[in-house]
Protein backbone atom coordinates (compact mmCIF):
# COMPACT_ATOMS: atom_id res chain seq x y z
CA UNK A 1 0.00 0.00 0.00
CA UNK A 2 2.88 2.23 0.57
CA UNK A 3 3.58 1.92 -3.08
CA UNK A 4 0.05 2.86 -4.03
CA UNK A 5 0.14 5.83 -1.67
CA UNK A 6 3.53 6.87 -3.01
CA UNK A 7 2.29 6.45 -6.49
CA UNK A 8 -0.82 8.54 -5.77
CA UNK A 9 1.35 11.21 -4.19
CA UNK A 10 3.77 11.16 -7.12
CA UNK A 11 0.85 11.42 -9.53
CA UNK A 12 -0.73 14.24 -7.54
CA UNK A 13 2.61 16.06 -7.42
CA UNK A 14 3.06 15.53 -11.18
CA UNK A 15 -0.48 16.76 -11.85
CA UNK A 16 0.07 19.78 -9.63
CA UNK A 17 3.43 20.51 -11.31
CA UNK A 18 1.85 20.02 -14.77
CA UNK A 19 -1.04 22.33 -13.85
CA UNK A 20 1.40 24.96 -12.57
CA UNK A 21 3.47 24.65 -15.73
CA UNK A 22 0.34 24.87 -17.91
CA UNK A 23 -0.82 27.89 -15.94
CA UNK A 24 2.62 29.51 -16.38
CA UNK A 25 2.64 28.72 -20.11
CA UNK A 26 -0.85 30.21 -20.47
CA UNK A 27 0.16 33.31 -18.47
CA UNK A 28 3.34 33.71 -20.53
CA UNK A 29 1.34 33.18 -23.75
CA UNK A 30 -1.20 35.82 -22.74
CA UNK A 31 1.61 38.24 -21.83
CA UNK A 32 3.37 37.61 -25.14
CA UNK A 33 0.10 37.99 -27.04
CA UNK A 34 -0.62 41.26 -25.17
CA UNK A 35 2.87 42.59 -26.09
CA UNK A 36 2.37 41.52 -29.72
CA UNK A 37 -1.09 43.15 -29.87
CA UNK A 38 0.26 46.33 -28.25
CA UNK A 39 3.13 46.49 -30.75
CA UNK A 40 0.72 45.86 -33.62
CA UNK A 41 -1.63 48.58 -32.36
CA UNK A 42 1.29 50.97 -31.87
CA UNK A 43 2.50 50.30 -35.42
CA UNK A 44 -1.03 50.63 -36.80
CA UNK A 45 -1.56 53.92 -34.94
CA UNK A 46 1.79 55.25 -36.17
CA UNK A 47 1.00 54.19 -39.74
CA UNK A 48 -2.46 55.77 -39.54
CA UNK A 49 -0.89 58.96 -38.16
CA UNK A 50 1.70 58.97 -40.93
CA UNK A 51 -1.03 58.44 -43.54
CA UNK A 52 -3.10 61.29 -42.06
CA UNK A 53 -0.07 63.57 -42.08
CA UNK A 54 0.73 62.62 -45.68
CA UNK A 55 -2.92 63.20 -46.67
CA UNK A 56 -2.95 66.60 -44.97
CA UNK A 57 0.32 67.53 -46.69
CA UNK A 58 -1.06 66.40 -50.06
CA UNK A 59 -4.23 68.44 -49.56
CA UNK A 60 -2.19 71.48 -48.50
CA UNK A 61 0.13 71.04 -51.49
CA UNK A 62 -2.88 70.78 -53.82
CA UNK A 63 -4.35 73.93 -52.28
CA UNK A 64 -1.04 75.71 -52.86
CA UNK A 65 -1.03 74.52 -56.48
CA UNK A 66 -4.56 75.82 -56.98
CA UNK A 67 -3.62 79.19 -55.49
CA UNK A 68 -0.53 79.37 -57.73
CA UNK A 69 -2.60 78.65 -60.85
CA UNK A 70 -5.16 81.25 -59.74
CA UNK A 71 -2.44 83.87 -59.23
CA UNK A 72 -0.86 83.01 -62.57
CA UNK A 73 -4.22 83.29 -64.32
CA UNK A 74 -4.97 86.64 -62.68
CA UNK A 75 -1.56 87.99 -63.64
CA UNK A 76 -1.98 86.71 -67.20
CA UNK A 77 -5.44 88.23 -67.61
CA UNK A 78 -4.36 91.60 -66.18
CA UNK A 79 -1.27 91.57 -68.39
CA UNK A 80 -3.27 90.70 -71.49
CA UNK A 81 -5.64 93.59 -70.78
CA UNK A 82 -2.66 95.90 -70.46
CA UNK A 83 -1.11 94.58 -73.69
CA UNK A 84 -4.43 95.05 -75.47
CA UNK A 85 -4.65 98.65 -74.26
CA UNK A 86 -1.08 99.30 -75.38
CA UNK A 87 -1.80 97.79 -78.80
CA UNK A 88 -4.97 99.82 -79.27
CA UNK A 89 -3.12 102.98 -78.21
CA UNK A 90 -0.33 102.25 -80.68
CA UNK A 91 -2.78 101.69 -83.55
CA UNK A 92 -4.70 104.84 -82.67
CA UNK A 93 -1.46 106.80 -82.62
CA UNK A 94 -0.41 105.30 -85.95
CA UNK A 95 -3.80 106.14 -87.46
CA UNK A 96 -3.56 109.72 -86.20
CA UNK A 97 -0.04 109.96 -87.62
CA UNK A 98 -1.26 108.61 -90.98
CA UNK A 99 -4.15 111.10 -91.09
CA UNK A 100 -1.78 113.99 -90.32
CA UNK A 101 0.61 112.72 -92.98
CA UNK A 102 -2.22 112.56 -95.52
CA UNK A 103 -3.23 116.14 -94.70
CA UNK A 104 0.37 117.31 -94.99
CA UNK A 105 0.85 115.38 -98.22
CA UNK A 106 -2.26 116.91 -99.79
CA UNK A 107 -1.05 120.42 -98.91
CA UNK A 108 2.35 120.03 -100.59
CA UNK A 109 2.90 121.93 -103.85
CA UNK A 110 5.38 119.77 -105.76
CA UNK A 111 6.10 116.13 -106.49
CA UNK A 112 9.61 116.51 -105.07
CA UNK A 113 8.21 117.81 -101.76
CA UNK A 114 5.71 114.95 -101.78
CA UNK A 115 8.40 112.34 -102.49
CA UNK A 116 10.69 113.77 -99.79
CA UNK A 117 7.84 113.88 -97.29
CA UNK A 118 6.72 110.37 -98.17
CA UNK A 119 10.27 109.02 -97.68
CA UNK A 120 10.61 110.83 -94.38
CA UNK A 121 7.17 109.63 -93.24
CA UNK A 122 7.91 106.02 -94.22
CA UNK A 123 11.21 106.09 -92.33
CA UNK A 124 9.62 107.62 -89.23
CA UNK A 125 6.66 105.24 -89.36
CA UNK A 126 8.97 102.23 -89.72
CA UNK A 127 11.17 103.34 -86.81
CA UNK A 128 8.11 103.94 -84.67
CA UNK A 129 6.62 100.56 -85.61
CA UNK A 130 9.87 98.82 -84.68
CA UNK A 131 10.04 100.72 -81.37
CA UNK A 132 6.38 99.94 -80.60
CA UNK A 133 6.84 96.26 -81.53
CA UNK A 134 9.89 96.11 -79.26
CA UNK A 135 7.88 97.59 -76.38
CA UNK A 136 5.10 95.06 -76.95
CA UNK A 137 7.61 92.21 -77.11
CA UNK A 138 9.26 93.32 -73.86
CA UNK A 139 5.86 93.69 -72.18
CA UNK A 140 4.87 90.22 -73.44
CA UNK A 141 8.04 88.63 -72.07
CA UNK A 142 7.55 90.38 -68.74
CA UNK A 143 3.95 89.17 -68.68
CA UNK A 144 5.06 85.59 -69.37
CA UNK A 145 7.63 85.75 -66.57
CA UNK A 146 5.15 87.29 -64.14
CA UNK A 147 2.38 84.83 -64.97
CA UNK A 148 4.70 81.81 -64.73
CA UNK A 149 6.36 82.90 -61.48
CA UNK A 150 3.77 81.32 -59.09
CA UNK A 151 3.76 78.08 -61.07
CA UNK A 152 7.56 77.96 -61.23
CA UNK A 153 7.69 78.41 -57.46
CA UNK A 154 5.32 75.43 -57.01
CA UNK A 155 7.40 73.28 -59.38
CA UNK A 156 10.51 74.17 -57.39
CA UNK A 157 8.73 73.26 -54.15
CA UNK A 158 7.54 69.97 -55.65
CA UNK A 159 11.08 69.10 -56.71
CA UNK A 160 12.36 69.91 -53.22
CA UNK A 161 9.67 67.69 -51.69
CA UNK A 162 10.45 64.86 -54.09
CA UNK A 163 14.20 64.95 -53.45
CA UNK A 164 13.99 65.54 -49.68
CA UNK A 165 13.04 61.93 -48.76
CA UNK A 166 15.80 60.64 -51.03
CA UNK A 167 18.41 62.76 -49.25
CA UNK A 168 17.14 61.77 -45.78
């Protein structure tokens, strides 16, 4: 009977040890699972935060692009109105000059005077046309630069943003 009692005690001790080990394994497993879930949640929260930040930056960048296009369009439209006014003024001035020349030409007494006046008028008109065309060309180039400035600034910013992560 001593053997049966010893055997029962050994079995009870083994069962108790096995239960304690199982309990420890379960506790360790729960702790490890909790750490894994916490790390996963931390990573998910960080990723979600990074995505929100990237989305906000993209929206802000898009808003900046829209504002740049709006500014460029406004500058272009104002510049085109100014160029149109300059062109109309130049044509009016040329027409007035031509009318005055016609009056002067009709008042001349000889063909030589008329030929001399016509040559002088043609030279003056040509020089004025070249000067006026140069002014319009310069104004057009300035308009193009002014209108493109906001867009160029956005392109520069975009290039900086694109190369910044590569340099980091």
